[in-house]
């Protein structure tokens, strides 16, 4: 079965970033560090983001140029295969410092160009 279209994967990324924001609302790092439910929820949403990045393939760079797509995909491999070595501080810094840039790029790619009425 083929993967869904690029716009669907971009929406998945955006929605996962929004969920992470909701999960972490009002939380500082120390609260996050001791809250296993929130850690698990954030890590799951990061896995969705990284899987959507994998499914975007080479199109990711075209749609959202200048992002570290290799690093995004690599984080997913780490979350799945090196789960016992996950560093909460790295996850925290990623969601606080890297995801806003990713979200901005994704939202830009999802915004239909004004000059192209055939965009869906």
N, C-alpha and C. Protein backbone atom coordinates (compact mmCIF):
# COMPACT_ATOMS: atom_id res chain seq x y z
N UNK A 1 0.84 -1.18 0.00
CA UNK A 1 0.00 0.00 0.00
C UNK A 1 0.89 1.24 0.00
N UNK A 2 0.66 2.18 -0.90
CA UNK A 2 1.51 3.36 -0.95
C UNK A 2 1.24 4.30 0.23
N UNK A 3 2.26 5.08 0.55
CA UNK A 3 2.09 6.06 1.60
C UNK A 3 1.14 7.14 1.14
N UNK A 4 0.63 7.89 2.09
CA UNK A 4 -0.27 8.99 1.76
C UNK A 4 0.51 10.12 1.10
N UNK A 5 -0.20 11.14 0.67
CA UNK A 5 0.44 12.25 -0.02
C UNK A 5 1.25 13.11 0.95
N UNK A 6 2.13 13.93 0.40
CA UNK A 6 3.03 14.76 1.20
C UNK A 6 2.28 15.69 2.13
N UNK A 7 1.18 16.27 1.66
CA UNK A 7 0.41 17.19 2.51
C UNK A 7 -0.10 16.49 3.77
N UNK A 8 -0.51 15.24 3.65
CA UNK A 8 -0.97 14.49 4.82
C UNK A 8 0.15 14.28 5.82
N UNK A 9 1.35 13.98 5.33
CA UNK A 9 2.49 13.79 6.23
C UNK A 9 2.87 15.10 6.91
N UNK A 10 2.81 16.19 6.16
CA UNK A 10 3.10 17.50 6.77
C UNK A 10 2.06 17.82 7.84
N UNK A 11 0.80 17.52 7.58
CA UNK A 11 -0.23 17.74 8.60
C UNK A 11 0.01 16.87 9.83
N UNK A 12 0.46 15.63 9.61
CA UNK A 12 0.79 14.77 10.75
C UNK A 12 1.89 15.38 11.60
N UNK A 13 2.90 15.93 10.96
CA UNK A 13 4.00 16.58 11.69
C UNK A 13 3.46 17.76 12.49
N UNK A 14 2.69 18.60 11.84
CA UNK A 14 2.13 19.78 12.51
C UNK A 14 1.26 19.36 13.71
N UNK A 15 0.38 18.38 13.51
CA UNK A 15 -0.49 17.93 14.60
C UNK A 15 0.32 17.36 15.76
N UNK A 16 1.35 16.61 15.46
CA UNK A 16 2.18 16.05 16.53
C UNK A 16 2.90 17.15 17.31
N UNK A 17 3.37 18.15 16.60
CA UNK A 17 4.02 19.28 17.28
C UNK A 17 3.01 19.99 18.17
N UNK A 18 1.79 20.17 17.69
CA UNK A 18 0.75 20.78 18.52
C UNK A 18 0.46 19.94 19.76
N UNK A 19 0.38 18.62 19.59
CA UNK A 19 0.13 17.74 20.74
C UNK A 19 1.25 17.88 21.77
N UNK A 20 2.48 17.90 21.31
CA UNK A 20 3.61 18.04 22.23
C UNK A 20 3.48 19.35 22.99
N UNK A 21 3.13 20.41 22.29
CA UNK A 21 2.94 21.70 22.96
C UNK A 21 1.88 21.63 24.04
N UNK A 22 0.78 20.94 23.76
CA UNK A 22 -0.28 20.76 24.76
C UNK A 22 0.22 19.94 25.94
N UNK A 23 0.95 18.88 25.67
CA UNK A 23 1.44 18.02 26.75
C UNK A 23 2.38 18.77 27.69
N UNK A 24 3.17 19.68 27.11
CA UNK A 24 4.20 20.37 27.90
C UNK A 24 3.75 21.74 28.42
N UNK A 25 2.53 22.13 28.11
CA UNK A 25 2.04 23.44 28.52
C UNK A 25 2.16 23.63 30.03
N UNK A 26 2.87 24.67 30.43
CA UNK A 26 3.05 24.99 31.84
C UNK A 26 4.06 24.12 32.56
N UNK A 27 4.77 23.29 31.85
CA UNK A 27 5.71 22.34 32.46
C UNK A 27 7.14 22.81 32.24
N UNK A 28 7.96 22.73 33.27
CA UNK A 28 9.38 22.99 33.09
C UNK A 28 10.11 21.65 32.98
N UNK A 29 11.42 21.72 32.77
CA UNK A 29 12.16 20.48 32.54
C UNK A 29 12.08 19.54 33.73
N UNK A 30 12.18 20.05 34.94
CA UNK A 30 12.15 19.16 36.11
C UNK A 30 10.83 18.42 36.22
N UNK A 31 9.73 19.10 35.93
CA UNK A 31 8.43 18.44 35.96
C UNK A 31 8.36 17.37 34.87
N UNK A 32 8.89 17.71 33.68
CA UNK A 32 8.92 16.75 32.58
C UNK A 32 9.76 15.53 32.95
N UNK A 33 10.91 15.77 33.55
CA UNK A 33 11.86 14.71 33.86
C UNK A 33 11.27 13.64 34.78
N UNK A 34 10.32 14.01 35.63
CA UNK A 34 9.76 13.04 36.58
C UNK A 34 8.37 12.54 36.17
N UNK A 35 7.89 12.97 35.01
CA UNK A 35 6.54 12.59 34.57
C UNK A 35 6.63 11.59 33.41
N UNK A 36 6.60 10.32 33.73
CA UNK A 36 6.79 9.26 32.74
C UNK A 36 5.67 9.27 31.69
N UNK A 37 4.46 9.62 32.10
CA UNK A 37 3.37 9.67 31.13
C UNK A 37 3.62 10.73 30.07
N UNK A 38 4.05 11.90 30.50
CA UNK A 38 4.32 12.98 29.54
C UNK A 38 5.53 12.63 28.68
N UNK A 39 6.56 12.06 29.28
CA UNK A 39 7.71 11.64 28.50
C UNK A 39 7.29 10.66 27.41
N UNK A 40 6.47 9.68 27.79
CA UNK A 40 6.02 8.67 26.83
C UNK A 40 5.18 9.30 25.72
N UNK A 41 4.31 10.22 26.09
CA UNK A 41 3.46 10.88 25.10
C UNK A 41 4.29 11.72 24.14
N UNK A 42 5.25 12.46 24.67
CA UNK A 42 6.12 13.30 23.82
C UNK A 42 6.95 12.42 22.89
N UNK A 43 7.52 11.36 23.43
CA UNK A 43 8.34 10.48 22.60
C UNK A 43 7.50 9.82 21.50
N UNK A 44 6.26 9.48 21.79
CA UNK A 44 5.39 8.89 20.76
C UNK A 44 5.13 9.90 19.66
N UNK A 45 4.86 11.14 20.01
CA UNK A 45 4.62 12.16 18.99
C UNK A 45 5.89 12.44 18.18
N UNK A 46 7.03 12.38 18.83
CA UNK A 46 8.29 12.52 18.09
C UNK A 46 8.46 11.37 17.10
N UNK A 47 8.07 10.17 17.49
CA UNK A 47 8.15 9.04 16.56
C UNK A 47 7.24 9.27 15.35
N UNK A 48 6.07 9.82 15.57
CA UNK A 48 5.17 10.13 14.45
C UNK A 48 5.83 11.15 13.53
N UNK A 49 6.41 12.18 14.11
CA UNK A 49 7.10 13.21 13.32
C UNK A 49 8.21 12.59 12.48
N UNK A 50 9.01 11.75 13.11
CA UNK A 50 10.15 11.17 12.39
C UNK A 50 9.69 10.19 11.32
N UNK A 51 8.62 9.46 11.58
CA UNK A 51 8.10 8.54 10.56
C UNK A 51 7.52 9.31 9.38
N UNK A 52 6.82 10.40 9.66
CA UNK A 52 6.30 11.23 8.58
C UNK A 52 7.46 11.80 7.76
N UNK A 53 8.55 12.16 8.42
CA UNK A 53 9.73 12.66 7.70
C UNK A 53 10.32 11.58 6.81
N UNK A 54 10.34 10.37 7.29
CA UNK A 54 10.83 9.25 6.47
C UNK A 54 9.94 9.07 5.26
N UNK A 55 8.65 9.13 5.47
CA UNK A 55 7.70 8.91 4.37
C UNK A 55 7.73 10.06 3.35
N UNK A 56 8.08 11.25 3.79
CA UNK A 56 8.22 12.36 2.85
C UNK A 56 9.39 12.14 1.90
N UNK A 57 10.39 11.40 2.37
CA UNK A 57 11.55 11.11 1.53
C UNK A 57 12.24 12.37 1.04
N UNK A 58 12.70 12.32 -0.19
CA UNK A 58 13.44 13.45 -0.77
C UNK A 58 12.56 14.68 -0.95
N UNK A 59 11.26 14.47 -0.98
CA UNK A 59 10.34 15.59 -1.15
C UNK A 59 10.38 16.54 0.05
N UNK A 60 10.81 16.05 1.20
CA UNK A 60 10.88 16.88 2.40
C UNK A 60 11.74 18.11 2.17
N UNK A 61 12.90 17.93 1.57
CA UNK A 61 13.82 19.05 1.34
C UNK A 61 13.23 20.05 0.36
N UNK A 62 12.48 19.57 -0.60
CA UNK A 62 11.84 20.47 -1.56
C UNK A 62 10.74 21.28 -0.89
N UNK A 63 9.94 20.61 -0.06
CA UNK A 63 8.82 21.27 0.59
C UNK A 63 9.25 22.20 1.73
N UNK A 64 10.26 21.78 2.47
CA UNK A 64 10.75 22.54 3.63
C UNK A 64 12.27 22.56 3.58
N UNK A 65 12.83 23.38 2.71
CA UNK A 65 14.29 23.38 2.54
C UNK A 65 15.02 23.91 3.77
N UNK A 66 16.25 23.43 3.92
CA UNK A 66 17.14 23.94 4.95
C UNK A 66 17.01 23.29 6.31
N UNK A 67 16.10 22.35 6.45
CA UNK A 67 15.97 21.66 7.73
C UNK A 67 16.86 20.42 7.75
N UNK A 68 17.20 19.97 8.93
CA UNK A 68 18.04 18.78 9.09
C UNK A 68 17.18 17.53 9.02
N UNK A 69 16.71 17.20 7.82
CA UNK A 69 15.82 16.05 7.66
C UNK A 69 16.52 14.74 8.04
N UNK A 70 17.80 14.66 7.77
CA UNK A 70 18.55 13.45 8.15
C UNK A 70 18.55 13.30 9.68
N UNK A 71 18.76 14.39 10.37
CA UNK A 71 18.74 14.36 11.83
C UNK A 71 17.37 14.04 12.39
N UNK A 72 16.33 14.57 11.75
CA UNK A 72 14.96 14.28 12.19
C UNK A 72 14.69 12.78 12.06
N UNK A 73 15.03 12.23 10.91
CA UNK A 73 14.83 10.80 10.70
C UNK A 73 15.67 9.97 11.67
N UNK A 74 16.89 10.42 11.89
CA UNK A 74 17.79 9.71 12.80
C UNK A 74 17.29 9.67 14.22
N UNK A 75 16.63 10.75 14.65
CA UNK A 75 16.08 10.76 16.00
C UNK A 75 15.04 9.65 16.15
N UNK A 76 14.28 9.41 15.10
CA UNK A 76 13.29 8.34 15.15
C UNK A 76 13.94 6.99 15.33
N UNK A 77 15.03 6.76 14.62
CA UNK A 77 15.76 5.50 14.80
C UNK A 77 16.25 5.35 16.23
N UNK A 78 16.72 6.45 16.79
CA UNK A 78 17.21 6.42 18.17
C UNK A 78 16.06 6.10 19.13
N UNK A 79 14.92 6.77 18.95
CA UNK A 79 13.78 6.53 19.84
C UNK A 79 13.30 5.08 19.76
N UNK A 80 13.35 4.51 18.57
CA UNK A 80 12.86 3.14 18.40
C UNK A 80 13.88 2.09 18.83
N UNK A 81 15.15 2.31 18.52
CA UNK A 81 16.14 1.25 18.70
C UNK A 81 17.08 1.45 19.88
N UNK A 82 17.19 2.66 20.36
CA UNK A 82 18.09 2.94 21.50
C UNK A 82 17.30 3.53 22.67
N UNK A 83 16.06 3.08 22.81
CA UNK A 83 15.15 3.64 23.80
C UNK A 83 15.73 3.68 25.22
N UNK A 84 16.59 2.72 25.54
CA UNK A 84 17.15 2.67 26.89
C UNK A 84 18.18 3.78 27.13
N UNK A 85 18.61 4.44 26.06
CA UNK A 85 19.62 5.49 26.18
C UNK A 85 19.05 6.89 25.94
N UNK A 86 17.73 7.02 25.90
CA UNK A 86 17.13 8.32 25.64
C UNK A 86 17.47 9.27 26.78
N UNK A 87 17.96 10.43 26.41
CA UNK A 87 18.34 11.48 27.35
C UNK A 87 17.20 12.50 27.40
N UNK A 88 16.56 12.62 28.56
CA UNK A 88 15.42 13.53 28.69
C UNK A 88 15.78 14.97 28.33
N UNK A 89 16.97 15.38 28.65
CA UNK A 89 17.39 16.75 28.35
C UNK A 89 17.48 16.98 26.84
N UNK A 90 17.96 15.99 26.10
CA UNK A 90 18.03 16.12 24.65
C UNK A 90 16.63 16.20 24.05
N UNK A 91 15.73 15.34 24.53
CA UNK A 91 14.34 15.39 24.06
C UNK A 91 13.75 16.76 24.37
N UNK A 92 13.93 17.23 25.59
CA UNK A 92 13.40 18.53 26.00
C UNK A 92 13.94 19.65 25.11
N UNK A 93 15.25 19.66 24.92
CA UNK A 93 15.84 20.71 24.07
C UNK A 93 15.36 20.62 22.63
N UNK A 94 15.17 19.42 22.16
CA UNK A 94 14.66 19.24 20.80
C UNK A 94 13.27 19.83 20.65
N UNK A 95 12.38 19.50 21.58
CA UNK A 95 11.01 19.99 21.44
C UNK A 95 10.92 21.49 21.69
N UNK A 96 11.76 22.01 22.53
CA UNK A 96 11.71 23.44 22.85
C UNK A 96 12.43 24.30 21.81
N UNK A 97 13.50 23.77 21.21
CA UNK A 97 14.34 24.60 20.34
C UNK A 97 14.29 24.22 18.86
N UNK A 98 14.00 22.96 18.55
CA UNK A 98 14.01 22.52 17.15
C UNK A 98 12.60 22.45 16.54
N UNK A 99 11.63 22.03 17.32
CA UNK A 99 10.29 21.85 16.77
C UNK A 99 9.63 23.16 16.32
N UNK A 100 9.86 24.29 17.01
CA UNK A 100 9.24 25.52 16.51
C UNK A 100 9.67 25.86 15.07
N UNK A 101 10.95 25.66 14.77
CA UNK A 101 11.44 25.91 13.41
C UNK A 101 10.82 24.93 12.42
N UNK A 102 10.75 23.67 12.80
CA UNK A 102 10.11 22.66 11.95
C UNK A 102 8.65 23.02 11.71
N UNK A 103 7.95 23.42 12.76
CA UNK A 103 6.54 23.75 12.63
C UNK A 103 6.32 24.94 11.70
N UNK A 104 7.16 25.95 11.81
CA UNK A 104 7.06 27.11 10.92
C UNK A 104 7.23 26.70 9.47
N UNK A 105 8.22 25.86 9.21
CA UNK A 105 8.47 25.40 7.83
C UNK A 105 7.31 24.55 7.32
N UNK A 106 6.78 23.69 8.16
CA UNK A 106 5.67 22.83 7.76
C UNK A 106 4.43 23.67 7.47
N UNK A 107 4.14 24.62 8.34
CA UNK A 107 2.97 25.47 8.11
C UNK A 107 3.12 26.27 6.83
N UNK A 108 4.32 26.72 6.54
CA UNK A 108 4.57 27.43 5.29
C UNK A 108 4.31 26.53 4.09
N UNK A 109 4.75 25.29 4.18
CA UNK A 109 4.54 24.34 3.08
C UNK A 109 3.07 23.97 2.93
N UNK A 110 2.32 24.03 4.01
CA UNK A 110 0.90 23.70 3.96
C UNK A 110 0.03 24.86 3.48
N UNK A 111 0.58 26.05 3.50
CA UNK A 111 -0.17 27.23 3.08
C UNK A 111 -0.21 27.27 1.56
N UNK A 112 -1.40 27.28 0.99
CA UNK A 112 -1.48 27.26 -0.47
C UNK A 112 -0.92 28.55 -1.07
N UNK A 113 -0.17 28.43 -2.15
CA UNK A 113 0.34 29.62 -2.82
C UNK A 113 -0.84 30.41 -3.41
N UNK A 114 -0.77 31.71 -3.32
CA UNK A 114 -1.86 32.56 -3.80
C UNK A 114 -1.96 32.55 -5.32
N UNK A 115 -0.87 32.24 -5.99
CA UNK A 115 -0.85 32.32 -7.46
C UNK A 115 -1.25 31.02 -8.13
N UNK A 116 -1.52 29.97 -7.34
CA UNK A 116 -1.83 28.67 -7.93
C UNK A 116 -3.21 28.19 -7.46
N UNK A 117 -4.26 28.47 -8.24
CA UNK A 117 -5.61 28.07 -7.80
C UNK A 117 -5.83 26.57 -7.80
N UNK A 118 -4.94 25.79 -8.40
CA UNK A 118 -5.13 24.34 -8.44
C UNK A 118 -4.55 23.63 -7.22
N UNK A 119 -3.90 24.37 -6.30
CA UNK A 119 -3.34 23.74 -5.08
C UNK A 119 -4.46 23.16 -4.25
N UNK A 120 -4.23 21.99 -3.72
CA UNK A 120 -5.23 21.34 -2.85
C UNK A 120 -4.63 21.01 -1.53
